[in-house]
């Protein structure tokens, strides 16, 4: 049985942007709850829209069990896990939010995340502790629900969480009307309260009412009795970041070991609110006429730096450059001091050539930080396709042929 997503399209009116995106990319349904496949998740974080108009395919219990039986244990994880699983996996909405958190966090934050789940402090995370995030993310969404038809809102909650939720508050805080800025903030503020609330008890009810997923089986085994240590948790998070970056890099490299500086600019500007991207691209074409290329290691190091953008911002303010431009040496040193990431001279030069619109070899701190913060909001800002030229020479050829 398949159910066309257009039949329930009006539920989008009651959904947040993240909920809407999840519903648009999800392709599976089991007992009323929607799921992404690993392939769907990769598409959701690397593409503006699904490649093909999808229907929600209903899974039978037997099909779901077969998928979970083929899920590898966490010690067999790799930076190709999601690509290897492809369509053979199920990811719930709350797991989707958790995975999004991982993609934008620095490696130093992995220990914080682990400790937040490890509510009993035994250096291991069990299935019950991990399921607390279901309640935390659900409560954040409940605060943001739009007023409207109660039946439609109930249908939406069933699609996303797999069970009907009460509107009674679970997390009781003095600032109940204050919504945290991000799901990472929600985890950081709320998980510590699990020790003093009924969240842990609620996790028992959730565990008994919800189906297992690929992530739960991967972390805690087919029987759900295994425990997750920090080393495996760290490896999973690092592998996921690497896998998404590899996919983006390979989509431009065409089998080569490098991508062009212009392609690097396309990727940087892709999910930003920059109105006039052509000025940045034109500036870079003129400043770097001879293509040298960006390696994957350079590419990965830059996005590791972006995940540390908050620490870099603090470092720059301490350098007292907040109100004026900075040079390449100052930029490179600030990145290393704040994040421990060493950017190659060529990569730093490329970044400057992209953003140094007035070509004075100085970078506007405020403008650069603002644009890069937009870039971290992967998939939830207005995506504007940028016309792509493979090389500077092809740009010149196109200009000549147009005359």
Protein backbone atom coordinates (compact mmCIF):
# COMPACT_ATOMS: atom_id res chain seq x y z
CA UNK A 1 0.00 0.00 0.00
CA UNK A 2 1.35 3.44 -0.88
CA UNK A 3 0.08 6.79 0.23
CA UNK A 4 0.71 9.85 -1.87
CA UNK A 5 2.16 12.69 0.17
CA UNK A 6 -0.26 15.12 -1.54
CA UNK A 7 -3.15 13.44 0.30
CA UNK A 8 -1.87 14.91 3.55
CA UNK A 9 -0.20 18.03 2.17
CA UNK A 10 -2.33 20.33 4.30
CA UNK A 11 -0.49 19.03 7.38
CA UNK A 12 2.39 21.23 6.22
CA UNK A 13 0.36 24.18 7.53
CA UNK A 14 0.86 22.85 11.06
CA UNK A 15 4.51 21.85 10.65
CA UNK A 16 7.78 23.66 11.39
CA UNK A 17 10.36 24.03 8.56
CA UNK A 18 12.30 21.00 9.84
CA UNK A 19 9.14 18.93 10.05
CA UNK A 20 8.21 19.97 6.54
CA UNK A 21 11.61 18.99 5.21
CA UNK A 22 11.52 15.63 6.95
CA UNK A 23 8.06 14.89 5.50
CA UNK A 24 9.22 15.95 2.03
CA UNK A 25 12.27 13.65 1.98
CA UNK A 26 10.90 10.70 3.99
CA UNK A 27 9.90 7.73 1.84
CA UNK A 28 8.76 5.05 4.31
CA UNK A 29 5.77 4.60 6.62
CA UNK A 30 5.24 2.00 9.31
CA UNK A 31 2.11 1.88 11.46
CA UNK A 32 1.35 5.53 10.73
CA UNK A 33 4.85 6.85 11.46
CA UNK A 34 7.10 8.29 8.75
CA UNK A 35 10.75 7.31 8.36
CA UNK A 36 13.69 8.30 6.22
CA UNK A 37 16.04 5.79 4.68
CA UNK A 38 19.78 6.52 5.02
CA UNK A 39 19.64 7.56 1.35
CA UNK A 40 16.78 9.98 2.12
CA UNK A 41 18.81 11.54 4.94
CA UNK A 42 21.85 12.09 2.71
CA UNK A 43 19.59 13.68 0.10
CA UNK A 44 17.99 15.93 2.72
CA UNK A 45 21.34 17.42 3.80
CA UNK A 46 22.99 17.66 0.38
CA UNK A 47 20.11 18.58 -1.96
CA UNK A 48 17.45 21.24 -2.13
CA UNK A 49 14.67 18.87 -3.18
CA UNK A 50 14.27 15.08 -3.51
CA UNK A 51 15.50 13.84 -6.86
CA UNK A 52 12.16 12.22 -7.60
CA UNK A 53 8.63 12.89 -6.40
CA UNK A 54 8.15 10.29 -3.70
CA UNK A 55 5.34 8.31 -2.19
CA UNK A 56 5.44 7.01 1.33
CA UNK A 57 5.89 3.26 0.95
CA UNK A 58 4.27 1.25 3.72
CA UNK A 59 6.54 -1.33 5.34
CA UNK A 60 5.25 -4.61 6.66
CA UNK A 61 6.49 -5.90 10.00
CA UNK A 62 8.43 -8.59 8.17
CA UNK A 63 10.14 -6.05 5.89
CA UNK A 64 11.09 -3.86 8.85
CA UNK A 65 12.53 -6.83 10.75
CA UNK A 66 14.56 -7.84 7.72
CA UNK A 67 16.00 -4.32 7.41
CA UNK A 68 16.96 -4.28 11.08
CA UNK A 69 18.49 -7.77 10.89
CA UNK A 70 20.92 -6.46 8.24
CA UNK A 71 21.98 -3.44 10.31
CA UNK A 72 25.70 -3.67 11.21
CA UNK A 73 26.85 -3.19 14.84
CA UNK A 74 28.45 0.08 15.85
CA UNK A 75 31.97 -1.37 15.84
CA UNK A 76 31.55 -2.04 12.11
CA UNK A 77 30.69 1.59 11.39
CA UNK A 78 32.54 3.53 8.70
CA UNK A 79 32.43 6.80 6.78
CA UNK A 80 30.41 4.93 4.15
CA UNK A 81 27.76 3.58 6.52
CA UNK A 82 24.82 5.57 5.13
CA UNK A 83 25.87 4.99 1.53
CA UNK A 84 26.27 1.24 2.13
CA UNK A 85 22.88 0.97 3.84
CA UNK A 86 21.29 3.11 1.10
CA UNK A 87 17.56 2.22 1.16
CA UNK A 88 17.96 -0.53 3.78
CA UNK A 89 17.40 1.47 6.92
CA UNK A 90 14.82 3.49 8.86
CA UNK A 91 15.48 6.83 10.58
CA UNK A 92 12.83 8.48 12.75
CA UNK A 93 12.14 12.21 12.94
CA UNK A 94 13.84 12.69 16.32
CA UNK A 95 16.87 10.76 15.06
CA UNK A 96 16.91 13.04 12.00
CA UNK A 97 17.11 16.05 14.35
CA UNK A 98 19.88 14.36 16.33
CA UNK A 99 21.88 13.66 13.18
CA UNK A 100 21.49 17.27 12.07
CA UNK A 101 22.94 18.36 15.41
CA UNK A 102 25.98 16.17 14.79
CA UNK A 103 26.72 17.67 11.38
CA UNK A 104 27.28 21.17 12.73
CA UNK A 105 29.13 20.45 15.97
CA UNK A 106 32.89 20.49 16.67
CA UNK A 107 34.67 17.32 17.77
CA UNK A 108 35.07 18.81 21.24
CA UNK A 109 31.28 18.89 21.47
CA UNK A 110 31.02 15.12 20.99
CA UNK A 111 32.05 14.52 24.61
CA UNK A 112 29.42 17.03 25.76
CA UNK A 113 26.77 15.23 23.72
CA UNK A 114 27.78 11.86 25.13
CA UNK A 115 27.73 13.15 28.71
CA UNK A 116 24.28 14.62 28.16
CA UNK A 117 22.93 11.20 27.23
CA UNK A 118 24.87 9.44 29.99
CA UNK A 119 22.42 10.49 32.71
CA UNK A 120 23.68 7.99 35.34
CA UNK A 121 27.35 8.90 34.79
CA UNK A 122 28.65 5.36 34.23
CA UNK A 123 30.56 6.30 31.03
CA UNK A 124 28.13 4.21 28.99
CA UNK A 125 24.87 5.13 27.26
CA UNK A 126 22.06 2.58 27.16
CA UNK A 127 18.96 2.51 24.97
CA UNK A 128 16.74 4.00 27.66
CA UNK A 129 19.04 6.99 28.15
CA UNK A 130 19.25 7.57 24.41
CA UNK A 131 15.46 7.54 24.05
CA UNK A 132 15.20 10.51 26.40
CA UNK A 133 15.95 12.65 23.36
CA UNK A 134 12.54 11.64 21.97
CA UNK A 135 10.85 13.51 24.78
CA UNK A 136 13.23 16.48 24.67
CA UNK A 137 12.76 17.12 20.97
CA UNK A 138 9.03 16.45 21.20
CA UNK A 139 8.61 19.03 23.96
CA UNK A 140 10.48 21.65 21.94
CA UNK A 141 8.17 21.04 19.00
CA UNK A 142 5.04 21.14 21.15
CA UNK A 143 5.92 24.65 22.28
CA UNK A 144 6.16 25.71 18.65
CA UNK A 145 2.98 24.09 17.37
CA UNK A 146 0.67 26.38 15.46
CA UNK A 147 -2.89 26.79 16.58
CA UNK A 148 -5.39 25.02 14.44
CA UNK A 149 -7.40 21.90 14.00
CA UNK A 150 -6.57 19.55 16.89
CA UNK A 151 -7.19 16.50 14.73
CA UNK A 152 -4.64 17.64 12.14
CA UNK A 153 -2.05 18.37 14.82
CA UNK A 154 -2.63 14.92 16.30
CA UNK A 155 -2.11 13.37 12.85
CA UNK A 156 1.15 15.28 12.46
CA UNK A 157 2.43 14.13 15.86
CA UNK A 158 1.55 10.55 14.97
CA UNK A 159 3.46 10.82 11.69
CA UNK A 160 6.55 12.24 13.38
CA UNK A 161 6.68 10.41 16.70
CA UNK A 162 4.64 7.26 16.16
CA UNK A 163 2.32 7.83 19.10
CA UNK A 164 -0.26 10.33 20.27
CA UNK A 165 1.30 12.81 22.67
CA UNK A 166 -0.26 14.67 25.52
CA UNK A 167 -0.19 18.44 25.51
CA UNK A 168 0.62 18.41 29.23
CA UNK A 169 4.08 19.71 30.03
CA UNK A 170 6.79 17.18 30.79
CA UNK A 171 9.66 19.59 31.21
CA UNK A 172 8.69 22.19 33.78
CA UNK A 173 10.88 25.26 33.66
CA UNK A 174 10.46 28.80 34.79
CA UNK A 175 11.04 30.13 31.28
CA UNK A 176 8.47 27.90 29.64
CA UNK A 177 7.67 30.51 27.03
CA UNK A 178 11.29 30.88 25.94
CA UNK A 179 12.17 28.67 22.97
CA UNK A 180 15.87 27.68 22.70
CA UNK A 181 17.60 28.80 19.52
CA UNK A 182 18.47 25.30 18.31
CA UNK A 183 17.97 21.61 18.98
CA UNK A 184 21.55 21.50 20.30
CA UNK A 185 20.60 24.16 22.85
CA UNK A 186 17.51 22.15 23.69
CA UNK A 187 19.62 19.07 24.40
CA UNK A 188 22.12 21.07 26.40
CA UNK A 189 19.46 22.75 28.55
CA UNK A 190 17.09 19.84 28.94
CA UNK A 191 19.05 16.62 29.29
CA UNK A 192 20.50 17.64 32.64
CA UNK A 193 16.93 17.95 33.88
CA UNK A 194 16.33 14.29 33.09
CA UNK A 195 17.93 13.37 36.41
CA UNK A 196 15.26 15.35 38.24
CA UNK A 197 12.17 14.76 36.12
CA UNK A 198 9.99 11.99 34.83
CA UNK A 199 11.73 11.94 31.44
CA UNK A 200 13.63 8.75 32.21
CA UNK A 201 10.41 7.04 33.32
CA UNK A 202 8.71 8.30 30.18
CA UNK A 203 11.47 6.64 28.12
CA UNK A 204 10.22 3.24 29.33
CA UNK A 205 6.78 3.98 27.88
CA UNK A 206 8.30 5.21 24.63
CA UNK A 207 10.51 2.15 24.30
CA UNK A 208 7.57 -0.20 24.68
CA UNK A 209 5.33 1.68 22.23
CA UNK A 210 7.78 2.46 19.40
CA UNK A 211 9.47 0.25 16.84
CA UNK A 212 13.22 -0.15 16.72
CA UNK A 213 15.15 1.82 14.12
CA UNK A 214 18.42 1.36 12.29
CA UNK A 215 20.18 3.78 14.63
CA UNK A 216 18.90 2.03 17.78
CA UNK A 217 19.98 -1.38 16.48
CA UNK A 218 23.32 0.01 15.30
CA UNK A 219 24.03 1.49 18.75
CA UNK A 220 22.40 -1.03 21.10
CA UNK A 221 22.17 -4.30 19.20
CA UNK A 222 19.23 -6.30 17.91
CA UNK A 223 18.02 -7.07 21.43
CA UNK A 224 18.58 -3.51 22.66
CA UNK A 225 20.72 -4.69 25.59
CA UNK A 226 24.13 -3.41 24.44
CA UNK A 227 25.64 -0.20 25.78
CA UNK A 228 27.43 2.51 23.84
CA UNK A 229 30.84 3.76 24.98
CA UNK A 230 32.32 7.13 24.12
CA UNK A 231 34.89 5.79 21.64
CA UNK A 232 32.18 4.20 19.47
CA UNK A 233 29.94 7.25 19.87
CA UNK A 234 32.77 9.58 18.79
CA UNK A 235 33.65 7.38 15.82
CA UNK A 236 30.04 7.35 14.64
CA UNK A 237 29.75 11.15 14.81
CA UNK A 238 33.10 11.72 13.11
CA UNK A 239 32.24 9.20 10.38
CA UNK A 240 28.90 10.90 9.69
CA UNK A 241 30.50 14.33 9.31
CA UNK A 242 33.16 12.84 7.02
CA UNK A 243 30.61 10.94 4.93
CA UNK A 244 28.46 14.00 4.20
CA UNK A 245 31.54 16.05 3.31
CA UNK A 246 32.82 13.26 1.04
CA UNK A 247 29.49 13.17 -0.77
CA UNK A 248 29.52 16.93 -1.34
CA UNK A 249 33.17 16.87 -2.43
CA UNK A 250 32.72 13.93 -4.82
CA UNK A 251 29.68 15.56 -6.43
CA UNK A 252 32.05 18.26 -7.74
CA UNK A 253 35.38 16.44 -8.14
CA UNK A 254 34.29 14.18 -11.05
CA UNK A 255 36.69 11.47 -9.92
CA UNK A 256 39.64 13.82 -9.46
CA UNK A 257 41.60 14.36 -6.23
CA UNK A 258 40.67 18.04 -6.09
CA UNK A 259 37.78 20.39 -6.77
CA UNK A 260 38.26 23.78 -8.36
CA UNK A 261 38.41 26.93 -6.26
CA UNK A 262 35.20 28.03 -7.95
CA UNK A 263 33.42 24.83 -7.01
CA UNK A 264 34.58 25.37 -3.43
CA UNK A 265 32.97 28.82 -3.58
CA UNK A 266 29.73 27.30 -4.90
CA UNK A 267 29.58 24.90 -1.95
CA UNK A 268 30.30 27.67 0.57
CA UNK A 269 27.65 30.00 -0.82
CA UNK A 270 25.07 27.33 -1.50
CA UNK A 271 22.96 27.58 1.67
CA UNK A 272 23.41 31.25 2.47
CA UNK A 273 21.26 34.35 2.22
CA UNK A 274 23.78 36.15 0.03
CA UNK A 275 21.71 38.00 -2.55
CA UNK A 276 24.40 38.76 -5.11
CA UNK A 277 26.52 35.62 -5.29
CA UNK A 278 27.79 36.54 -8.75
CA UNK A 279 29.97 39.32 -7.32
CA UNK A 280 31.77 36.83 -5.05
CA UNK A 281 32.27 34.36 -7.88
CA UNK A 282 33.42 37.00 -10.34
CA UNK A 283 35.85 38.40 -7.79
CA UNK A 284 37.36 34.96 -7.23
CA UNK A 285 37.67 34.22 -10.96
CA UNK A 286 39.65 37.39 -11.48
CA UNK A 287 41.80 36.88 -8.36
CA UNK A 288 42.65 33.21 -9.00
CA UNK A 289 42.91 32.88 -12.81
CA UNK A 290 45.09 29.76 -12.58
CA UNK A 291 43.32 26.81 -11.02
CA UNK A 292 45.31 24.90 -8.40
CA UNK A 293 42.47 22.98 -6.77
CA UNK A 294 41.26 22.22 -3.25
CA UNK A 295 42.03 18.76 -1.85
CA UNK A 296 39.59 16.83 0.32
CA UNK A 297 41.80 17.30 3.37
CA UNK A 298 41.72 21.06 2.86
CA UNK A 299 37.97 20.89 2.25
CA UNK A 300 37.40 18.85 5.41
CA UNK A 301 39.62 21.07 7.56
CA UNK A 302 37.65 24.15 6.54
CA UNK A 303 34.32 22.63 7.54
CA UNK A 304 35.82 21.42 10.81
CA UNK A 305 36.70 25.06 11.37
CA UNK A 306 33.14 26.14 10.52
CA UNK A 307 31.81 23.77 13.17
CA UNK A 308 33.95 25.73 15.64
CA UNK A 309 32.67 29.08 14.39
CA UNK A 310 31.43 30.22 17.81
CA UNK A 311 34.87 29.72 19.38
CA UNK A 312 36.50 31.47 16.43
CA UNK A 313 34.16 34.44 16.89
CA UNK A 314 35.21 34.73 20.53
CA UNK A 315 38.88 34.52 19.55
CA UNK A 316 38.45 37.27 16.99
CA UNK A 317 36.75 39.50 19.53
CA UNK A 318 39.64 38.90 21.92
CA UNK A 319 42.01 39.90 19.14
CA UNK A 320 40.00 43.12 19.01
CA UNK A 321 39.35 42.81 15.29
CA UNK A 322 35.56 42.82 15.63
CA UNK A 323 35.15 46.24 14.07
CA UNK A 324 37.79 46.09 11.35
CA UNK A 325 39.20 43.84 8.63
CA UNK A 326 41.96 41.27 9.09
CA UNK A 327 44.74 39.85 6.98
CA UNK A 328 45.47 36.26 6.01
CA UNK A 329 48.13 35.59 8.66
CA UNK A 330 45.89 36.96 11.42
CA UNK A 331 42.97 34.90 10.17
CA UNK A 332 44.99 31.68 10.01
CA UNK A 333 46.39 32.17 13.50
CA UNK A 334 42.97 32.96 14.97
CA UNK A 335 41.55 29.77 13.43
CA UNK A 336 44.33 27.67 14.94
CA UNK A 337 44.18 29.30 18.38
CA UNK A 338 40.39 28.93 18.60
CA UNK A 339 39.87 25.53 17.00
CA UNK A 340 43.19 23.71 16.72
CA UNK A 341 42.59 23.40 12.97
CA UNK A 342 45.45 24.32 10.65
CA UNK A 343 44.24 25.72 7.34
CA UNK A 344 46.66 25.57 4.41
CA UNK A 345 47.93 28.89 3.01
CA UNK A 346 46.24 28.12 -0.33
CA UNK A 347 42.89 27.46 1.34
CA UNK A 348 43.07 30.68 3.37
CA UNK A 349 44.04 32.60 0.23
CA UNK A 350 41.05 31.09 -1.61
CA UNK A 351 38.66 32.08 1.19
CA UNK A 352 40.01 35.64 1.09
CA UNK A 353 39.66 35.83 -2.68
CA UNK A 354 36.01 34.75 -2.39
CA UNK A 355 34.99 37.21 0.32
CA UNK A 356 37.45 40.06 -0.27
CA UNK A 357 35.14 41.93 -2.65
CA UNK A 358 37.10 45.21 -2.58
CA UNK A 359 40.35 43.28 -3.22
CA UNK A 360 42.42 44.91 -0.48
CA UNK A 361 43.58 41.49 0.85
CA UNK A 362 41.63 42.12 4.04
CA UNK A 363 38.56 40.19 5.18
CA UNK A 364 35.51 41.82 6.69
CA UNK A 365 35.04 39.97 9.97
CA UNK A 366 31.35 40.73 10.44
CA UNK A 367 30.40 39.92 6.85
CA UNK A 368 32.33 36.64 6.80
CA UNK A 369 30.91 35.44 10.14
CA UNK A 370 27.35 36.31 9.12
CA UNK A 371 27.57 34.44 5.82
CA UNK A 372 29.16 31.38 7.39
CA UNK A 373 26.52 31.22 10.12
CA UNK A 374 23.95 31.04 7.33
CA UNK A 375 25.94 28.17 5.79
CA UNK A 376 25.62 26.16 9.01
CA UNK A 377 21.82 26.30 8.72
CA UNK A 378 22.07 23.62 6.07
CA UNK A 379 18.80 23.14 4.19
CA UNK A 380 16.65 25.55 6.20
CA UNK A 381 17.43 28.80 4.43
CA UNK A 382 16.38 29.79 0.97
CA UNK A 383 18.52 27.74 -1.42
CA UNK A 384 19.45 29.58 -4.59
CA UNK A 385 21.05 27.55 -7.37
CA UNK A 386 24.25 29.23 -8.54
CA UNK A 387 25.23 28.94 -12.17
CA UNK A 388 28.30 26.76 -12.20
CA UNK A 389 31.40 26.99 -14.36
CA UNK A 390 33.92 24.21 -14.02
CA UNK A 391 36.98 26.37 -14.66
CA UNK A 392 37.97 29.97 -15.29
CA UNK A 393 38.65 29.12 -18.94
CA UNK A 394 35.15 27.71 -19.45
CA UNK A 395 33.82 30.97 -18.01
CA UNK A 396 35.80 32.92 -20.62
CA UNK A 397 34.62 30.62 -23.40
CA UNK A 398 31.00 31.09 -22.37
CA UNK A 399 31.46 34.87 -22.39
CA UNK A 400 33.03 34.78 -25.88
CA UNK A 401 30.28 32.58 -27.32
CA UNK A 402 27.60 34.85 -25.91
CA UNK A 403 28.91 37.86 -27.86
